[in-house]
Each structure stands twice: as structure tokens, then as C-alpha cells.
Amino acid sequence: MAPTIPALDLTPSGVNLHSGHVMHAHLAYDGTTLTLTLTDTVTNSTFTASQVINIPATVGANTAFVGFTAGTGGTVSTQDVLSWTYAVN
């Protein structure tokens, strides 16, 4: 099944989300840009993507809830969140 658009190609990075490896995901927001870094903890391959976004304008407030979700639209996918932290800088 083709990914939805927009989609990002992780192939050149060596990160394979189908590998079954534990991935470390790091999200950083500097007030204008949200950056995601995925690291495969087995191969040490990394993938980074950034998007300019005004999060308060997008959510319509200066506060919001943080959480996890995954949707596939009809197929099966498993995500195990082993741990996570949230820090205000």
C-alpha cells in the first residue's frame, strides 16, 4: 500500500521502521520549527525531518495535551512506547 501524501522517504537514512528494532524518537520545538530525529538503536542510523509550524496557532491555544496515536486506515501496526519524557525549556 502506498503511503499517504505528504510522505517522507526514510530509505536513504538507513532507518527502516519495519525492522522491528527499537527506535529512539526525539522531538524538539524552538518556537518556529518542529524537528523530529529518529535513531535506530541497533544500527545507529538516524533520520531527521523539520517543519516550520506555529503550534499555538495550530492548536488554537498556548496550552495543549501531549500524547501518542497511530492510525493505519485498515491495516495492522504496532507501536510500543517504552518510555518518554516532556520538558519545558
N, C-alpha and C. Protein backbone atom coordinates (compact mmCIF):
# COMPACT_ATOMS: atom_id res chain seq x y z
N MET A 1 0.84 -1.17 0.00
CA MET A 1 0.00 0.00 0.00
C MET A 1 0.89 1.24 0.00
N ALA A 2 0.59 2.21 -0.83
CA ALA A 2 1.37 3.44 -0.92
C ALA A 2 1.12 4.31 0.30
N PRO A 3 2.14 5.04 0.74
CA PRO A 3 1.93 5.96 1.87
C PRO A 3 1.03 7.12 1.46
N THR A 4 0.47 7.76 2.45
CA THR A 4 -0.35 8.93 2.16
C THR A 4 0.57 10.10 1.82
N ILE A 5 0.02 11.09 1.20
CA ILE A 5 0.79 12.26 0.79
C ILE A 5 0.38 13.41 1.68
N PRO A 6 1.27 14.16 2.28
CA PRO A 6 2.71 14.10 2.07
C PRO A 6 3.33 12.93 2.84
N ALA A 7 4.42 12.42 2.31
CA ALA A 7 5.16 11.32 2.94
C ALA A 7 6.65 11.64 2.86
N LEU A 8 7.41 11.05 3.77
CA LEU A 8 8.86 11.22 3.77
C LEU A 8 9.51 9.88 3.49
N ASP A 9 10.54 9.88 2.67
CA ASP A 9 11.27 8.66 2.33
C ASP A 9 12.45 8.51 3.29
N LEU A 10 12.39 7.51 4.16
CA LEU A 10 13.46 7.26 5.12
C LEU A 10 14.57 6.39 4.54
N THR A 11 14.37 5.82 3.36
CA THR A 11 15.30 4.85 2.77
C THR A 11 16.75 5.33 2.76
N PRO A 12 17.06 6.54 2.28
CA PRO A 12 18.46 6.96 2.24
C PRO A 12 19.14 7.02 3.61
N SER A 13 18.36 7.18 4.67
CA SER A 13 18.93 7.31 6.02
C SER A 13 19.34 5.97 6.61
N GLY A 14 18.78 4.88 6.10
CA GLY A 14 19.04 3.56 6.68
C GLY A 14 18.09 3.20 7.80
N VAL A 15 17.21 4.11 8.20
CA VAL A 15 16.20 3.81 9.22
C VAL A 15 15.06 3.06 8.54
N ASN A 16 14.76 1.86 9.05
CA ASN A 16 13.71 1.02 8.49
C ASN A 16 12.69 0.75 9.59
N LEU A 17 11.53 1.38 9.50
CA LEU A 17 10.51 1.24 10.53
C LEU A 17 9.89 -0.15 10.55
N HIS A 18 10.17 -0.98 9.56
CA HIS A 18 9.67 -2.35 9.51
C HIS A 18 10.67 -3.35 10.08
N SER A 19 11.81 -2.89 10.57
CA SER A 19 12.88 -3.78 11.03
C SER A 19 12.57 -4.49 12.33
N GLY A 20 11.67 -3.94 13.13
CA GLY A 20 11.41 -4.49 14.46
C GLY A 20 12.39 -3.99 15.50
N HIS A 21 13.34 -3.15 15.09
CA HIS A 21 14.31 -2.58 16.02
C HIS A 21 13.65 -1.52 16.90
N VAL A 22 14.19 -1.33 18.08
CA VAL A 22 13.75 -0.23 18.94
C VAL A 22 14.26 1.07 18.34
N MET A 23 13.37 2.05 18.22
CA MET A 23 13.72 3.36 17.69
C MET A 23 13.65 4.39 18.81
N HIS A 24 14.56 5.32 18.80
CA HIS A 24 14.52 6.46 19.71
C HIS A 24 14.02 7.64 18.90
N ALA A 25 12.94 8.26 19.35
CA ALA A 25 12.38 9.43 18.66
C ALA A 25 12.60 10.65 19.54
N HIS A 26 13.16 11.69 18.96
CA HIS A 26 13.40 12.94 19.69
C HIS A 26 12.69 14.06 18.93
N LEU A 27 11.82 14.78 19.64
CA LEU A 27 11.12 15.93 19.07
C LEU A 27 11.62 17.20 19.76
N ALA A 28 11.91 18.22 18.98
CA ALA A 28 12.34 19.50 19.54
C ALA A 28 11.58 20.61 18.84
N TYR A 29 11.16 21.60 19.62
CA TYR A 29 10.43 22.75 19.07
C TYR A 29 11.07 24.02 19.60
N ASP A 30 11.47 24.90 18.71
CA ASP A 30 12.15 26.13 19.12
C ASP A 30 11.26 27.37 19.04
N GLY A 31 9.96 27.14 18.89
CA GLY A 31 9.02 28.26 18.79
C GLY A 31 8.60 28.53 17.35
N THR A 32 9.37 28.02 16.39
CA THR A 32 9.00 28.17 14.98
C THR A 32 9.14 26.88 14.19
N THR A 33 10.08 26.02 14.60
CA THR A 33 10.36 24.81 13.83
C THR A 33 10.28 23.58 14.73
N LEU A 34 9.53 22.57 14.27
CA LEU A 34 9.43 21.28 14.95
C LEU A 34 10.37 20.32 14.23
N THR A 35 11.28 19.70 14.98
CA THR A 35 12.27 18.79 14.40
C THR A 35 12.11 17.41 15.01
N LEU A 36 12.05 16.40 14.16
CA LEU A 36 11.98 15.01 14.56
C LEU A 36 13.29 14.34 14.19
N THR A 37 13.89 13.64 15.14
CA THR A 37 15.05 12.80 14.85
C THR A 37 14.73 11.39 15.31
N LEU A 38 14.80 10.44 14.38
CA LEU A 38 14.62 9.02 14.68
C LEU A 38 15.98 8.35 14.63
N THR A 39 16.27 7.55 15.66
CA THR A 39 17.52 6.80 15.69
C THR A 39 17.21 5.33 15.90
N ASP A 40 17.72 4.48 15.01
CA ASP A 40 17.62 3.04 15.16
C ASP A 40 18.66 2.63 16.20
N THR A 41 18.22 2.08 17.33
CA THR A 41 19.14 1.78 18.43
C THR A 41 20.02 0.56 18.15
N VAL A 42 19.73 -0.18 17.09
CA VAL A 42 20.55 -1.34 16.73
C VAL A 42 21.64 -0.93 15.73
N THR A 43 21.26 -0.18 14.70
CA THR A 43 22.21 0.19 13.65
C THR A 43 22.81 1.58 13.83
N ASN A 44 22.24 2.38 14.72
CA ASN A 44 22.62 3.79 14.93
C ASN A 44 22.34 4.67 13.72
N SER A 45 21.55 4.21 12.77
CA SER A 45 21.13 5.04 11.64
C SER A 45 20.18 6.10 12.17
N THR A 46 20.25 7.31 11.60
CA THR A 46 19.36 8.39 12.03
C THR A 46 18.65 9.03 10.84
N PHE A 47 17.46 9.52 11.12
CA PHE A 47 16.67 10.25 10.14
C PHE A 47 16.19 11.52 10.83
N THR A 48 16.31 12.65 10.17
CA THR A 48 15.86 13.93 10.73
C THR A 48 14.97 14.64 9.72
N ALA A 49 13.88 15.20 10.22
CA ALA A 49 12.98 16.00 9.39
C ALA A 49 12.52 17.19 10.21
N SER A 50 12.40 18.34 9.56
CA SER A 50 11.95 19.56 10.23
C SER A 50 10.79 20.17 9.47
N GLN A 51 9.92 20.85 10.22
CA GLN A 51 8.76 21.51 9.63
C GLN A 51 8.53 22.82 10.36
N VAL A 52 8.44 23.91 9.64
CA VAL A 52 8.08 25.19 10.24
C VAL A 52 6.60 25.13 10.59
N ILE A 53 6.28 25.41 11.85
CA ILE A 53 4.89 25.37 12.31
C ILE A 53 4.73 26.28 13.52
N ASN A 54 3.61 26.95 13.59
CA ASN A 54 3.24 27.75 14.75
C ASN A 54 2.27 26.89 15.57
N ILE A 55 2.80 26.15 16.52
CA ILE A 55 1.97 25.20 17.26
C ILE A 55 0.83 25.88 18.01
N PRO A 56 1.07 27.00 18.73
CA PRO A 56 -0.08 27.64 19.41
C PRO A 56 -1.19 28.05 18.45
N ALA A 57 -0.84 28.54 17.27
CA ALA A 57 -1.87 28.91 16.29
C ALA A 57 -2.58 27.67 15.75
N THR A 58 -1.84 26.59 15.57
CA THR A 58 -2.42 25.36 15.04
C THR A 58 -3.41 24.74 16.02
N VAL A 59 -3.07 24.71 17.32
CA VAL A 59 -3.97 24.12 18.31
C VAL A 59 -4.97 25.13 18.85
N GLY A 60 -4.75 26.40 18.55
CA GLY A 60 -5.70 27.44 18.97
C GLY A 60 -5.57 27.85 20.42
N ALA A 61 -4.41 27.60 21.03
CA ALA A 61 -4.19 27.98 22.42
C ALA A 61 -2.69 27.90 22.73
N ASN A 62 -2.32 28.43 23.90
CA ASN A 62 -0.92 28.34 24.34
C ASN A 62 -0.65 27.10 25.17
N THR A 63 -1.68 26.28 25.42
CA THR A 63 -1.52 25.01 26.13
C THR A 63 -2.22 23.92 25.33
N ALA A 64 -1.74 22.69 25.51
CA ALA A 64 -2.33 21.56 24.79
C ALA A 64 -1.95 20.27 25.50
N PHE A 65 -2.61 19.20 25.16
CA PHE A 65 -2.26 17.87 25.66
C PHE A 65 -1.23 17.23 24.75
N VAL A 66 -0.38 16.40 25.33
CA VAL A 66 0.63 15.66 24.59
C VAL A 66 0.25 14.19 24.66
N GLY A 67 0.34 13.48 23.53
CA GLY A 67 0.00 12.06 23.56
C GLY A 67 0.50 11.35 22.33
N PHE A 68 0.09 10.11 22.19
CA PHE A 68 0.53 9.27 21.09
C PHE A 68 -0.69 8.68 20.39
N THR A 69 -0.59 8.55 19.10
CA THR A 69 -1.64 7.92 18.33
C THR A 69 -1.01 7.27 17.10
N ALA A 70 -1.69 6.31 16.58
CA ALA A 70 -1.25 5.67 15.33
C ALA A 70 -2.48 5.20 14.59
N GLY A 71 -2.56 5.52 13.36
CA GLY A 71 -3.68 5.07 12.55
C GLY A 71 -3.17 4.57 11.22
N THR A 72 -3.74 3.48 10.76
CA THR A 72 -3.29 2.90 9.50
C THR A 72 -4.38 2.90 8.45
N GLY A 73 -5.60 3.17 8.85
CA GLY A 73 -6.69 3.17 7.90
C GLY A 73 -7.19 1.81 7.49
N GLY A 74 -6.80 0.77 8.21
CA GLY A 74 -7.35 -0.54 7.89
C GLY A 74 -6.38 -1.69 8.02
N THR A 75 -5.09 -1.42 8.11
CA THR A 75 -4.13 -2.50 8.31
C THR A 75 -3.65 -2.46 9.74
N VAL A 76 -2.80 -3.41 10.10
CA VAL A 76 -2.34 -3.53 11.48
C VAL A 76 -0.95 -2.93 11.63
N SER A 77 -0.76 -2.23 12.73
CA SER A 77 0.54 -1.65 13.04
C SER A 77 0.69 -1.63 14.55
N THR A 78 1.88 -1.94 15.04
CA THR A 78 2.12 -1.96 16.47
C THR A 78 3.19 -0.95 16.83
N GLN A 79 2.91 -0.11 17.79
CA GLN A 79 3.89 0.81 18.34
C GLN A 79 3.93 0.59 19.84
N ASP A 80 5.10 0.30 20.37
CA ASP A 80 5.28 0.16 21.81
C ASP A 80 6.10 1.34 22.29
N VAL A 81 5.49 2.24 23.04
CA VAL A 81 6.22 3.37 23.61
C VAL A 81 6.83 2.86 24.91
N LEU A 82 8.14 2.69 24.90
CA LEU A 82 8.83 2.11 26.05
C LEU A 82 9.03 3.12 27.17
N SER A 83 9.26 4.37 26.81
CA SER A 83 9.37 5.46 27.79
C SER A 83 9.32 6.77 27.06
N TRP A 84 8.98 7.81 27.79
CA TRP A 84 9.01 9.15 27.19
C TRP A 84 9.07 10.18 28.30
N THR A 85 9.57 11.35 27.96
CA THR A 85 9.64 12.46 28.91
C THR A 85 9.18 13.72 28.20
N TYR A 86 8.80 14.69 29.00
CA TYR A 86 8.42 16.01 28.48
C TYR A 86 9.10 17.04 29.34
N ALA A 87 9.73 18.00 28.73
CA ALA A 87 10.41 19.05 29.49
C ALA A 87 10.12 20.39 28.85
N VAL A 88 9.91 21.38 29.67
CA VAL A 88 9.72 22.75 29.20
C VAL A 88 11.06 23.46 29.35
N ASN A 89 11.53 24.01 28.24
CA ASN A 89 12.82 24.73 28.27
C ASN A 89 12.61 26.20 28.41
